[in-house]
Every structure is written in structure tokens, then in C-alpha cells.
Amino acid sequence: MSLVKLTIKGISYSQTQNGAYALILNEVDGERKLPIVIGAFEAQSIAIALEKEIKPPRPLTHDLFKNFADRFDIVVKQVIIHKLVDGVFYSSIICERDKIEEIIDARTSDAIALALRFAAPIFTYKNILDKAGIYLKANPTDTDKNPEAMDDVLSNPETFGMEESNQAGETYTKHSLSELHELLEGAVNDEDYEKAAKIRDEISKREA
């Protein structure tokens, strides 16, 4: 399976879940975005690593891991978001010490927080991005020429919930499939990734 490189677009506060934040990853050579909701601590840790100029008075957990790894000559080479099951992302941290490579399982938020501290690239597999990526609305003339393109533009956000998993919140079980696609279109146009991901979760359940 081919790997797709991702970058971090940003973090936004969840308006429906207290203490939850939306981490948005960008496809490097494309226009899809991969939204994941993470907890407040992980969001803070990622934000601090992104800012670089902010130095906490004492090391955060991910800073401690970085210091520990540096002391024992362990390098994080890359992070791979390698699996998506029931709306939950699974990630691996690829480490190296003395030219020996090790693979460590991790939550996606932790893996990304560490990747930033090691300046390590973030990847996912193409099939995961095909299933879980969000397209922002494409050129309307393209969809006029090809009606099927609209389905591609509006499909595939995944997944929101505390700690990379889906939690209780607004549900869309009473909507028809066509209504869900209309709601999804509106959420994508508004760049409301959280709402879009929840709607996609419901669509995915019905189309499974």
C-alpha cells in the first residue's frame, strides 16, 4: 500500500464537546484533509510544538519523552497512521537506535505530538485517506461536467470524538441517506469538520 504524506493544517476547538479539539491534517500532494478530534492535553502539546517559541517552564510529557529519547540516542524517524477501525485511528511510531528500527504503537495524537518534536514526517496509507479524507468543495464547473464528481467532493470525512474515538453527541440516525449527503455538503462548505465527520460516520455505517 502506498503512503501519503500529511502536514498539520491546524487545531480548532470543538464547539460541541467540552475539552475536545479538532486536529486537521493536510494531504501534501492533494486537497484532502484528515480531521481527528483529540483531548485538551494533546492539543496543547501539539500547539506548543507548532509554535516553537513557547517554552513551558517544565517539560510536558511529550517533551520528557523527547529528552529521554535524546539521552539514549533514540530517534523517531516517522509516524504512520496505519489503521482505521470503527471510527478510531491507529498509529505507529517508527524509531531507530544503533541502526536498529523498532515500531511502537501509539495513539494518533501522541504520535503526532512526538513527530513534531523530532521533526519527523507524518504519513497515512492511501486507502485510509480515500476512506477518511475530506475534500473541500471543488470547482463547481467540474461537478457540472461530471455529476459523479460531486459524490467524490462531498465524501469521506472521518472521524471525530474524544481521544481519537467517537463519543456521544449529536446524532443523525433519523435522517435519510440523501439528507445526510446534503448535510455533509453544507458542513464541508462551511469547513465544519466536526459536523462533517459525524455525518460521514453515519453514512459509513449505512453503506458498510
N, C-alpha and C. Protein backbone atom coordinates (compact mmCIF):
# COMPACT_ATOMS: atom_id res chain seq x y z
N MET A 1 0.84 -1.19 0.00
CA MET A 1 0.00 0.00 0.00
C MET A 1 0.88 1.25 0.00
N SER A 2 0.50 2.24 -0.78
CA SER A 2 1.30 3.44 -0.90
C SER A 2 1.02 4.39 0.26
N LEU A 3 2.07 5.08 0.70
CA LEU A 3 1.95 6.05 1.78
C LEU A 3 1.69 7.45 1.23
N VAL A 4 0.93 8.22 1.98
CA VAL A 4 0.62 9.60 1.61
C VAL A 4 1.13 10.49 2.75
N LYS A 5 1.92 11.48 2.40
CA LYS A 5 2.47 12.38 3.42
C LYS A 5 1.44 13.41 3.84
N LEU A 6 1.42 13.71 5.13
CA LEU A 6 0.47 14.67 5.70
C LEU A 6 1.23 15.79 6.42
N THR A 7 0.61 16.96 6.44
CA THR A 7 1.11 18.05 7.27
C THR A 7 -0.03 18.52 8.16
N ILE A 8 0.29 19.30 9.17
CA ILE A 8 -0.74 19.78 10.09
C ILE A 8 -1.26 21.13 9.62
N LYS A 9 -2.56 21.18 9.37
CA LYS A 9 -3.21 22.43 8.96
C LYS A 9 -3.47 23.31 10.17
N GLY A 10 -3.90 22.71 11.27
CA GLY A 10 -4.17 23.50 12.46
C GLY A 10 -5.02 22.73 13.46
N ILE A 11 -5.35 23.42 14.54
CA ILE A 11 -6.18 22.86 15.60
C ILE A 11 -7.30 23.83 15.89
N SER A 12 -8.51 23.32 16.02
CA SER A 12 -9.64 24.17 16.37
C SER A 12 -10.41 23.57 17.53
N TYR A 13 -11.05 24.42 18.32
CA TYR A 13 -11.79 23.97 19.49
C TYR A 13 -13.11 23.37 19.06
N SER A 14 -13.47 22.25 19.67
CA SER A 14 -14.76 21.62 19.38
C SER A 14 -15.87 22.41 20.05
N GLN A 15 -16.87 22.78 19.28
CA GLN A 15 -17.97 23.56 19.82
C GLN A 15 -19.03 22.70 20.49
N THR A 16 -18.94 21.40 20.34
CA THR A 16 -19.98 20.53 20.88
C THR A 16 -19.49 19.61 21.98
N GLN A 17 -18.18 19.48 22.13
CA GLN A 17 -17.64 18.59 23.16
C GLN A 17 -16.63 19.36 24.00
N ASN A 18 -16.94 19.55 25.27
CA ASN A 18 -16.05 20.26 26.15
C ASN A 18 -14.70 19.54 26.25
N GLY A 19 -13.64 20.30 26.11
CA GLY A 19 -12.32 19.73 26.25
C GLY A 19 -11.82 19.00 25.03
N ALA A 20 -12.56 19.01 23.93
CA ALA A 20 -12.14 18.33 22.71
C ALA A 20 -11.66 19.36 21.68
N TYR A 21 -10.68 18.97 20.91
CA TYR A 21 -10.13 19.83 19.87
C TYR A 21 -10.03 19.05 18.56
N ALA A 22 -10.20 19.75 17.47
CA ALA A 22 -10.10 19.11 16.16
C ALA A 22 -8.71 19.35 15.58
N LEU A 23 -7.99 18.28 15.35
CA LEU A 23 -6.69 18.34 14.69
C LEU A 23 -6.91 18.05 13.21
N ILE A 24 -6.52 18.98 12.35
CA ILE A 24 -6.74 18.84 10.92
C ILE A 24 -5.40 18.59 10.23
N LEU A 25 -5.31 17.46 9.55
CA LEU A 25 -4.11 17.11 8.78
C LEU A 25 -4.38 17.32 7.30
N ASN A 26 -3.39 17.82 6.59
CA ASN A 26 -3.49 18.09 5.16
C ASN A 26 -2.74 17.05 4.35
N GLU A 27 -3.32 16.63 3.25
CA GLU A 27 -2.60 15.82 2.27
C GLU A 27 -1.59 16.72 1.56
N VAL A 28 -0.31 16.33 1.53
CA VAL A 28 0.73 17.19 0.96
C VAL A 28 0.53 17.41 -0.53
N ASP A 29 0.33 16.34 -1.27
CA ASP A 29 0.20 16.46 -2.72
C ASP A 29 -1.25 16.33 -3.16
N GLY A 30 -2.14 16.92 -2.42
CA GLY A 30 -3.56 16.86 -2.76
C GLY A 30 -4.34 17.86 -1.94
N GLU A 31 -5.66 17.76 -1.99
CA GLU A 31 -6.51 18.75 -1.34
C GLU A 31 -7.34 18.17 -0.21
N ARG A 32 -7.14 16.89 0.09
CA ARG A 32 -7.94 16.29 1.15
C ARG A 32 -7.40 16.63 2.53
N LYS A 33 -8.31 16.63 3.49
CA LYS A 33 -7.95 16.90 4.87
C LYS A 33 -8.44 15.76 5.75
N LEU A 34 -7.65 15.44 6.75
CA LEU A 34 -7.96 14.33 7.65
C LEU A 34 -8.22 14.90 9.04
N PRO A 35 -9.49 14.96 9.47
CA PRO A 35 -9.79 15.54 10.78
C PRO A 35 -9.85 14.48 11.88
N ILE A 36 -9.25 14.79 13.01
CA ILE A 36 -9.27 13.89 14.16
C ILE A 36 -9.50 14.74 15.41
N VAL A 37 -10.44 14.34 16.25
CA VAL A 37 -10.63 15.06 17.50
C VAL A 37 -9.73 14.47 18.56
N ILE A 38 -9.06 15.34 19.29
CA ILE A 38 -8.12 14.92 20.32
C ILE A 38 -8.46 15.63 21.63
N GLY A 39 -7.90 15.16 22.71
CA GLY A 39 -8.14 15.75 24.01
C GLY A 39 -7.39 17.06 24.20
N ALA A 40 -7.74 17.77 25.27
CA ALA A 40 -7.17 19.09 25.53
C ALA A 40 -5.66 19.03 25.77
N PHE A 41 -5.21 18.03 26.53
CA PHE A 41 -3.78 17.96 26.83
C PHE A 41 -2.97 17.74 25.55
N GLU A 42 -3.43 16.81 24.70
CA GLU A 42 -2.71 16.53 23.46
C GLU A 42 -2.74 17.74 22.54
N ALA A 43 -3.88 18.44 22.50
CA ALA A 43 -3.99 19.64 21.66
C ALA A 43 -3.00 20.70 22.14
N GLN A 44 -2.90 20.87 23.44
CA GLN A 44 -1.95 21.84 23.99
C GLN A 44 -0.51 21.46 23.64
N SER A 45 -0.20 20.18 23.77
CA SER A 45 1.15 19.71 23.48
C SER A 45 1.50 19.91 22.01
N ILE A 46 0.56 19.63 21.12
CA ILE A 46 0.79 19.82 19.69
C ILE A 46 0.93 21.29 19.37
N ALA A 47 0.06 22.13 19.96
CA ALA A 47 0.11 23.57 19.70
C ALA A 47 1.44 24.17 20.15
N ILE A 48 1.93 23.74 21.29
CA ILE A 48 3.21 24.25 21.79
C ILE A 48 4.35 23.85 20.84
N ALA A 49 4.30 22.62 20.35
CA ALA A 49 5.33 22.16 19.41
C ALA A 49 5.26 22.93 18.09
N LEU A 50 4.05 23.30 17.68
CA LEU A 50 3.89 24.06 16.44
C LEU A 50 4.41 25.49 16.59
N GLU A 51 4.15 26.08 17.73
CA GLU A 51 4.55 27.47 17.96
C GLU A 51 6.06 27.61 18.06
N LYS A 52 6.70 26.65 18.67
CA LYS A 52 8.16 26.61 18.83
C LYS A 52 8.69 27.70 19.77
N GLU A 53 8.11 28.89 19.72
CA GLU A 53 8.61 29.97 20.57
C GLU A 53 8.13 29.83 22.01
N ILE A 54 7.09 29.02 22.23
CA ILE A 54 6.56 28.83 23.58
C ILE A 54 7.36 27.74 24.28
N LYS A 55 7.92 28.07 25.41
CA LYS A 55 8.70 27.10 26.18
C LYS A 55 8.08 26.96 27.57
N PRO A 56 7.40 25.83 27.83
CA PRO A 56 6.84 25.64 29.16
C PRO A 56 7.94 25.59 30.21
N PRO A 57 7.65 26.08 31.42
CA PRO A 57 8.68 26.11 32.48
C PRO A 57 9.21 24.73 32.83
N ARG A 58 8.35 23.72 32.72
CA ARG A 58 8.78 22.34 32.93
C ARG A 58 8.36 21.51 31.73
N PRO A 59 9.08 20.46 31.40
CA PRO A 59 8.75 19.69 30.20
C PRO A 59 7.39 19.00 30.32
N LEU A 60 6.62 19.10 29.25
CA LEU A 60 5.38 18.33 29.16
C LEU A 60 5.75 16.86 28.93
N THR A 61 4.75 16.00 28.99
CA THR A 61 5.01 14.56 28.85
C THR A 61 5.73 14.25 27.54
N HIS A 62 5.31 14.87 26.45
CA HIS A 62 5.95 14.61 25.16
C HIS A 62 7.35 15.20 25.10
N ASP A 63 7.56 16.31 25.79
CA ASP A 63 8.92 16.86 25.88
C ASP A 63 9.82 15.92 26.68
N LEU A 64 9.26 15.35 27.74
CA LEU A 64 10.02 14.41 28.56
C LEU A 64 10.42 13.19 27.73
N PHE A 65 9.48 12.70 26.92
CA PHE A 65 9.78 11.56 26.05
C PHE A 65 10.91 11.93 25.09
N LYS A 66 10.85 13.14 24.55
CA LYS A 66 11.90 13.59 23.62
C LYS A 66 13.25 13.67 24.33
N ASN A 67 13.27 14.23 25.52
CA ASN A 67 14.52 14.33 26.28
C ASN A 67 15.07 12.94 26.61
N PHE A 68 14.16 12.05 27.00
CA PHE A 68 14.55 10.68 27.32
C PHE A 68 15.14 9.99 26.08
N ALA A 69 14.47 10.16 24.94
CA ALA A 69 14.95 9.54 23.71
C ALA A 69 16.30 10.10 23.29
N ASP A 70 16.46 11.42 23.41
CA ASP A 70 17.74 12.03 23.06
C ASP A 70 18.88 11.49 23.93
N ARG A 71 18.57 11.31 25.21
CA ARG A 71 19.60 10.84 26.14
C ARG A 71 20.09 9.44 25.77
N PHE A 72 19.18 8.62 25.22
CA PHE A 72 19.55 7.25 24.89
C PHE A 72 19.66 7.03 23.37
N ASP A 73 19.84 8.14 22.65
CA ASP A 73 20.11 8.09 21.20
C ASP A 73 19.00 7.37 20.44
N ILE A 74 17.78 7.61 20.82
CA ILE A 74 16.63 7.07 20.10
C ILE A 74 16.06 8.19 19.22
N VAL A 75 15.84 7.88 17.96
CA VAL A 75 15.33 8.88 17.01
C VAL A 75 13.99 8.40 16.45
N VAL A 76 13.01 9.28 16.45
CA VAL A 76 11.74 8.99 15.78
C VAL A 76 11.90 9.34 14.31
N LYS A 77 11.83 8.33 13.46
CA LYS A 77 12.05 8.53 12.03
C LYS A 77 10.80 8.99 11.30
N GLN A 78 9.65 8.40 11.66
CA GLN A 78 8.39 8.79 11.03
C GLN A 78 7.23 8.25 11.84
N VAL A 79 6.05 8.80 11.56
CA VAL A 79 4.80 8.34 12.17
C VAL A 79 3.87 7.93 11.05
N ILE A 80 3.23 6.78 11.23
CA ILE A 80 2.29 6.29 10.21
C ILE A 80 0.93 6.04 10.85
N ILE A 81 -0.09 6.70 10.35
CA ILE A 81 -1.46 6.40 10.74
C ILE A 81 -1.87 5.20 9.87
N HIS A 82 -1.85 4.02 10.48
CA HIS A 82 -1.88 2.80 9.67
C HIS A 82 -3.20 2.05 9.64
N LYS A 83 -4.13 2.44 10.50
CA LYS A 83 -5.38 1.67 10.54
C LYS A 83 -6.53 2.55 10.99
N LEU A 84 -7.72 2.24 10.47
CA LEU A 84 -8.95 2.93 10.87
C LEU A 84 -10.02 1.87 11.08
N VAL A 85 -10.44 1.69 12.32
CA VAL A 85 -11.43 0.67 12.65
C VAL A 85 -12.54 1.29 13.49
N ASP A 86 -13.78 1.19 13.02
CA ASP A 86 -14.93 1.71 13.75
C ASP A 86 -14.73 3.16 14.16
N GLY A 87 -14.18 3.96 13.25
CA GLY A 87 -14.01 5.37 13.53
C GLY A 87 -12.82 5.72 14.40
N VAL A 88 -11.95 4.76 14.67
CA VAL A 88 -10.79 5.02 15.53
C VAL A 88 -9.51 4.86 14.71
N PHE A 89 -8.65 5.87 14.76
CA PHE A 89 -7.37 5.80 14.07
C PHE A 89 -6.32 5.12 14.95
N TYR A 90 -5.47 4.33 14.32
CA TYR A 90 -4.35 3.67 15.00
C TYR A 90 -3.06 4.11 14.32
N SER A 91 -2.05 4.41 15.13
CA SER A 91 -0.80 4.91 14.58
C SER A 91 0.40 4.13 15.10
N SER A 92 1.48 4.23 14.35
CA SER A 92 2.75 3.62 14.73
C SER A 92 3.84 4.67 14.69
N ILE A 93 4.74 4.58 15.67
CA ILE A 93 5.92 5.43 15.69
C ILE A 93 7.11 4.57 15.26
N ILE A 94 7.78 4.98 14.21
CA ILE A 94 8.95 4.25 13.71
C ILE A 94 10.20 4.88 14.32
N CYS A 95 10.86 4.12 15.18
CA CYS A 95 12.04 4.61 15.90
C CYS A 95 13.30 3.90 15.43
N GLU A 96 14.44 4.51 15.72
CA GLU A 96 15.71 3.89 15.36
C GLU A 96 16.76 4.17 16.44
N ARG A 97 17.48 3.14 16.81
CA ARG A 97 18.60 3.28 17.76
C ARG A 97 19.70 2.30 17.34
N ASP A 98 20.90 2.81 17.21
CA ASP A 98 22.03 1.98 16.77
C ASP A 98 21.72 1.25 15.46
N LYS A 99 21.05 1.96 14.58
CA LYS A 99 20.69 1.46 13.25
C LYS A 99 19.71 0.28 13.31
N ILE A 100 19.07 0.10 14.46
CA ILE A 100 18.03 -0.92 14.60
C ILE A 100 16.68 -0.22 14.68
N GLU A 101 15.78 -0.63 13.82
CA GLU A 101 14.47 0.02 13.74
C GLU A 101 13.45 -0.71 14.59
N GLU A 102 12.64 0.03 15.30
CA GLU A 102 11.57 -0.51 16.12
C GLU A 102 10.26 0.20 15.78
N ILE A 103 9.15 -0.53 15.90
CA ILE A 103 7.83 0.04 15.65
C ILE A 103 7.03 0.00 16.94
N ILE A 104 6.51 1.17 17.35
CA ILE A 104 5.79 1.28 18.61
C ILE A 104 4.38 1.77 18.34
N ASP A 105 3.39 1.07 18.88
CA ASP A 105 2.01 1.50 18.75
C ASP A 105 1.76 2.75 19.59
N ALA A 106 0.90 3.64 19.10
CA ALA A 106 0.61 4.87 19.83
C ALA A 106 -0.74 5.43 19.40
N ARG A 107 -1.33 6.22 20.29
CA ARG A 107 -2.49 6.99 19.88
C ARG A 107 -2.02 8.02 18.85
N THR A 108 -2.90 8.36 17.93
CA THR A 108 -2.51 9.28 16.86
C THR A 108 -2.08 10.63 17.41
N SER A 109 -2.79 11.14 18.39
CA SER A 109 -2.43 12.45 18.95
C SER A 109 -1.05 12.43 19.58
N ASP A 110 -0.73 11.38 20.33
CA ASP A 110 0.60 11.26 20.93
C ASP A 110 1.68 11.12 19.86
N ALA A 111 1.38 10.31 18.86
CA ALA A 111 2.36 10.09 17.79
C ALA A 111 2.69 11.40 17.07
N ILE A 112 1.66 12.20 16.81
CA ILE A 112 1.88 13.46 16.10
C ILE A 112 2.61 14.46 16.98
N ALA A 113 2.28 14.50 18.27
CA ALA A 113 2.98 15.39 19.19
C ALA A 113 4.47 15.06 19.22
N LEU A 114 4.80 13.78 19.16
CA LEU A 114 6.20 13.37 19.14
C LEU A 114 6.85 13.64 17.78
N ALA A 115 6.10 13.40 16.71
CA ALA A 115 6.64 13.65 15.37
C ALA A 115 7.09 15.10 15.24
N LEU A 116 6.29 16.02 15.78
CA LEU A 116 6.66 17.43 15.71
C LEU A 116 7.96 17.71 16.44
N ARG A 117 8.14 17.09 17.58
CA ARG A 117 9.34 17.33 18.39
C ARG A 117 10.60 16.73 17.76
N PHE A 118 10.42 15.70 16.96
CA PHE A 118 11.56 15.07 16.29
C PHE A 118 11.68 15.54 14.84
N ALA A 119 10.81 16.46 14.43
CA ALA A 119 10.78 16.89 13.03
C ALA A 119 10.65 15.69 12.10
N ALA A 120 9.83 14.74 12.51
CA ALA A 120 9.62 13.51 11.74
C ALA A 120 8.38 13.66 10.84
N PRO A 121 8.42 13.10 9.65
CA PRO A 121 7.25 13.19 8.76
C PRO A 121 6.09 12.32 9.24
N ILE A 122 4.89 12.72 8.84
CA ILE A 122 3.66 12.01 9.20
C ILE A 122 3.05 11.45 7.92
N PHE A 123 2.69 10.17 7.95
CA PHE A 123 2.12 9.52 6.78
C PHE A 123 0.84 8.78 7.15
N THR A 124 0.04 8.52 6.13
CA THR A 124 -1.04 7.55 6.27
C THR A 124 -1.08 6.77 4.97
N TYR A 125 -1.83 5.68 4.97
CA TYR A 125 -1.96 4.90 3.74
C TYR A 125 -3.05 5.48 2.85
N LYS A 126 -2.87 5.30 1.57
CA LYS A 126 -3.81 5.88 0.60
C LYS A 126 -5.23 5.38 0.84
N ASN A 127 -5.39 4.10 1.18
CA ASN A 127 -6.75 3.58 1.37
C ASN A 127 -7.43 4.22 2.58
N ILE A 128 -6.66 4.60 3.60
CA ILE A 128 -7.24 5.28 4.75
C ILE A 128 -7.67 6.69 4.36
N LEU A 129 -6.83 7.38 3.59
CA LEU A 129 -7.18 8.73 3.16
C LEU A 129 -8.36 8.70 2.20
N ASP A 130 -8.42 7.66 1.36
CA ASP A 130 -9.57 7.52 0.46
C ASP A 130 -10.87 7.39 1.25
N LYS A 131 -10.79 6.70 2.36
CA LYS A 131 -11.98 6.48 3.19
C LYS A 131 -12.25 7.63 4.14
N ALA A 132 -11.18 8.26 4.63
CA ALA A 132 -11.33 9.17 5.76
C ALA A 132 -11.05 10.62 5.45
N GLY A 133 -10.62 10.94 4.25
CA GLY A 133 -10.28 12.32 3.94
C GLY A 133 -11.49 13.14 3.55
N ILE A 134 -11.41 14.43 3.81
CA ILE A 134 -12.46 15.37 3.41
C ILE A 134 -11.94 16.21 2.25
N TYR A 135 -12.73 16.28 1.20
CA TYR A 135 -12.45 17.21 0.12
C TYR A 135 -13.19 18.50 0.40
N LEU A 136 -12.50 19.62 0.30
CA LEU A 136 -13.23 20.87 0.24
C LEU A 136 -13.86 20.97 -1.13
N LYS A 137 -14.88 21.78 -1.24
CA LYS A 137 -15.66 21.84 -2.47
C LYS A 137 -14.76 22.16 -3.66
N ALA A 138 -14.87 21.36 -4.69
CA ALA A 138 -14.07 21.58 -5.89
C ALA A 138 -14.72 22.62 -6.77
N ASN A 139 -14.09 22.87 -7.91
CA ASN A 139 -14.62 23.83 -8.88
C ASN A 139 -16.01 23.38 -9.32
N PRO A 140 -17.05 24.22 -9.13
CA PRO A 140 -18.40 23.82 -9.48
C PRO A 140 -18.56 23.39 -10.92
N THR A 141 -17.74 23.97 -11.84
CA THR A 141 -17.87 23.60 -13.24
C THR A 141 -17.46 22.16 -13.46
N ASP A 142 -16.53 21.67 -12.63
CA ASP A 142 -16.10 20.28 -12.76
C ASP A 142 -17.24 19.33 -12.42
N THR A 143 -18.00 19.65 -11.39
CA THR A 143 -19.08 18.77 -10.99
C THR A 143 -20.25 18.87 -11.95
N ASP A 144 -20.37 20.03 -12.62
CA ASP A 144 -21.43 20.15 -13.62
C ASP A 144 -21.15 19.22 -14.79
N LYS A 145 -19.85 19.11 -15.14
CA LYS A 145 -19.49 18.26 -16.26
C LYS A 145 -19.58 16.79 -15.89
N ASN A 146 -19.29 16.48 -14.65
CA ASN A 146 -19.29 15.09 -14.21
C ASN A 146 -20.08 14.97 -12.91
N PRO A 147 -21.35 14.61 -12.96
CA PRO A 147 -22.17 14.53 -11.75
C PRO A 147 -21.58 13.63 -10.70
N GLU A 148 -20.86 12.57 -11.12
CA GLU A 148 -20.29 11.65 -10.15
C GLU A 148 -19.20 12.32 -9.33
N ALA A 149 -18.60 13.37 -9.88
CA ALA A 149 -17.53 14.06 -9.16
C ALA A 149 -18.05 14.69 -7.88
N MET A 150 -19.35 15.08 -7.87
CA MET A 150 -19.92 15.67 -6.67
C MET A 150 -19.85 14.71 -5.50
N ASP A 151 -20.10 13.42 -5.78
CA ASP A 151 -20.02 12.44 -4.71
C ASP A 151 -18.61 12.36 -4.14
N ASP A 152 -17.61 12.46 -5.03
CA ASP A 152 -16.22 12.40 -4.57
C ASP A 152 -15.87 13.62 -3.74
N VAL A 153 -16.35 14.79 -4.18
CA VAL A 153 -16.04 16.02 -3.48
C VAL A 153 -16.63 16.01 -2.09
N LEU A 154 -17.80 15.43 -1.94
CA LEU A 154 -18.51 15.52 -0.68
C LEU A 154 -18.29 14.34 0.23
N SER A 155 -17.56 13.35 -0.22
CA SER A 155 -17.47 12.13 0.57
C SER A 155 -16.26 12.10 1.49
N ASN A 156 -16.37 11.20 2.45
CA ASN A 156 -15.23 10.69 3.20
C ASN A 156 -14.60 11.53 4.30
N PRO A 157 -15.32 12.25 5.14
CA PRO A 157 -14.67 12.70 6.35
C PRO A 157 -14.75 11.65 7.44
N GLU A 158 -13.78 11.59 8.30
CA GLU A 158 -13.72 10.62 9.40
C GLU A 158 -12.70 11.17 10.36
N THR A 159 -12.64 11.14 11.55
CA THR A 159 -13.63 10.68 12.47
C THR A 159 -13.49 11.59 13.67
N PHE A 160 -14.52 11.92 14.39
CA PHE A 160 -14.41 12.84 15.49
C PHE A 160 -14.88 12.22 16.78
N GLY A 161 -14.25 12.57 17.86
CA GLY A 161 -14.63 12.08 19.17
C GLY A 161 -13.45 12.23 20.10
N MET A 162 -13.70 12.21 21.39
CA MET A 162 -12.62 12.37 22.36
C MET A 162 -11.59 11.25 22.19
N GLU A 163 -10.33 11.65 22.26
CA GLU A 163 -9.22 10.69 22.23
C GLU A 163 -9.25 9.78 21.01
N GLU A 164 -9.47 10.35 19.85
CA GLU A 164 -9.49 9.64 18.58
C GLU A 164 -10.60 8.61 18.46
N SER A 165 -11.64 8.70 19.25
CA SER A 165 -12.74 7.75 19.13
C SER A 165 -14.05 8.49 19.17
N ASN A 166 -15.08 7.87 18.65
CA ASN A 166 -16.39 8.50 18.61
C ASN A 166 -17.07 8.45 19.96
N GLN A 167 -17.68 9.56 20.34
CA GLN A 167 -18.38 9.64 21.60
C GLN A 167 -19.79 10.13 21.35
N ALA A 168 -20.58 10.10 22.42
CA ALA A 168 -21.96 10.55 22.29
C ALA A 168 -22.00 12.02 21.94
N GLY A 169 -22.99 12.44 21.23
CA GLY A 169 -23.16 13.82 20.84
C GLY A 169 -24.33 13.89 19.89
N GLU A 170 -24.34 14.87 19.03
CA GLU A 170 -25.42 14.98 18.05
C GLU A 170 -25.38 13.77 17.12
N THR A 171 -26.54 13.17 16.90
CA THR A 171 -26.61 12.00 16.03
C THR A 171 -27.49 12.32 14.83
N TYR A 172 -27.31 11.52 13.80
CA TYR A 172 -28.03 11.75 12.55
C TYR A 172 -28.76 10.49 12.11
N THR A 173 -29.15 9.65 13.07
CA THR A 173 -29.76 8.37 12.74
C THR A 173 -31.14 8.51 12.11
N LYS A 174 -31.81 9.62 12.36
CA LYS A 174 -33.17 9.80 11.86
C LYS A 174 -33.21 10.37 10.44
N HIS A 175 -32.06 10.77 9.93
CA HIS A 175 -32.02 11.35 8.59
C HIS A 175 -31.89 10.26 7.53
N SER A 176 -32.45 10.53 6.37
CA SER A 176 -32.29 9.61 5.25
C SER A 176 -30.89 9.78 4.67
N LEU A 177 -30.48 8.81 3.84
CA LEU A 177 -29.15 8.87 3.25
C LEU A 177 -28.98 10.12 2.38
N SER A 178 -30.01 10.46 1.61
CA SER A 178 -29.92 11.66 0.77
C SER A 178 -29.83 12.92 1.62
N GLU A 179 -30.57 12.95 2.72
CA GLU A 179 -30.48 14.10 3.63
C GLU A 179 -29.09 14.20 4.24
N LEU A 180 -28.51 13.05 4.57
CA LEU A 180 -27.17 13.05 5.14
C LEU A 180 -26.14 13.63 4.17
N HIS A 181 -26.28 13.27 2.90
CA HIS A 181 -25.34 13.80 1.91
C HIS A 181 -25.52 15.32 1.74
N GLU A 182 -26.75 15.79 1.83
CA GLU A 182 -26.99 17.23 1.76
C GLU A 182 -26.38 17.94 2.97
N LEU A 183 -26.57 17.34 4.15
CA LEU A 183 -25.99 17.92 5.36
C LEU A 183 -24.47 17.91 5.29
N LEU A 184 -23.93 16.84 4.73
CA LEU A 184 -22.48 16.73 4.58
C LEU A 184 -21.95 17.82 3.66
N GLU A 185 -22.67 18.08 2.57
CA GLU A 185 -22.24 19.12 1.64
C GLU A 185 -22.18 20.47 2.36
N GLY A 186 -23.21 20.76 3.14
CA GLY A 186 -23.23 22.03 3.86
C GLY A 186 -22.10 22.13 4.86
N ALA A 187 -21.82 21.02 5.58
CA ALA A 187 -20.76 21.03 6.57
C ALA A 187 -19.40 21.22 5.93
N VAL A 188 -19.18 20.58 4.78
CA VAL A 188 -17.91 20.71 4.07
C VAL A 188 -17.73 22.14 3.57
N ASN A 189 -18.81 22.72 3.00
CA ASN A 189 -18.73 24.09 2.51
C ASN A 189 -18.42 25.08 3.63
N ASP A 190 -18.95 24.78 4.83
CA ASP A 190 -18.71 25.65 5.99
C ASP A 190 -17.40 25.33 6.70
N GLU A 191 -16.70 24.30 6.21
CA GLU A 191 -15.47 23.82 6.84
C GLU A 191 -15.72 23.44 8.30
N ASP A 192 -16.91 22.92 8.56
CA ASP A 192 -17.25 22.42 9.90
C ASP A 192 -16.86 20.95 9.94
N TYR A 193 -15.58 20.71 10.23
CA TYR A 193 -15.03 19.36 10.13
C TYR A 193 -15.66 18.41 11.14
N GLU A 194 -15.97 18.94 12.31
CA GLU A 194 -16.55 18.07 13.33
C GLU A 194 -17.91 17.55 12.88
N LYS A 195 -18.76 18.44 12.42
CA LYS A 195 -20.09 18.04 11.96
C LYS A 195 -19.98 17.11 10.76
N ALA A 196 -19.08 17.45 9.83
CA ALA A 196 -18.91 16.64 8.63
C ALA A 196 -18.49 15.22 8.99
N ALA A 197 -17.59 15.11 9.95
CA ALA A 197 -17.10 13.78 10.34
C ALA A 197 -18.19 12.94 10.98
N LYS A 198 -19.01 13.57 11.80
CA LYS A 198 -20.11 12.82 12.43
C LYS A 198 -21.11 12.33 11.39
N ILE A 199 -21.39 13.20 10.43
CA ILE A 199 -22.33 12.80 9.37
C ILE A 199 -21.74 11.66 8.55
N ARG A 200 -20.43 11.77 8.25
CA ARG A 200 -19.79 10.71 7.48
C ARG A 200 -19.80 9.39 8.25
N ASP A 201 -19.64 9.45 9.56
CA ASP A 201 -19.71 8.25 10.38
C ASP A 201 -21.04 7.52 10.15
N GLU A 202 -22.10 8.32 10.13
CA GLU A 202 -23.43 7.73 9.95
C GLU A 202 -23.59 7.17 8.54
N ILE A 203 -23.07 7.89 7.55
CA ILE A 203 -23.13 7.41 6.16
C ILE A 203 -22.35 6.11 6.02
N SER A 204 -21.17 6.08 6.64
CA SER A 204 -20.32 4.88 6.56
C SER A 204 -21.01 3.67 7.15
N LYS A 205 -21.70 3.85 8.25
CA LYS A 205 -22.41 2.73 8.88
C LYS A 205 -23.46 2.15 7.93
N ARG A 206 -24.15 3.04 7.23
CA ARG A 206 -25.23 2.56 6.36
C ARG A 206 -24.71 1.96 5.06
N GLU A 207 -23.54 2.42 4.63
CA GLU A 207 -23.00 1.92 3.36
C GLU A 207 -22.07 0.75 3.55
N ALA A 208 -21.82 0.38 4.80
CA ALA A 208 -20.91 -0.75 5.08
C ALA A 208 -21.47 -2.06 4.56
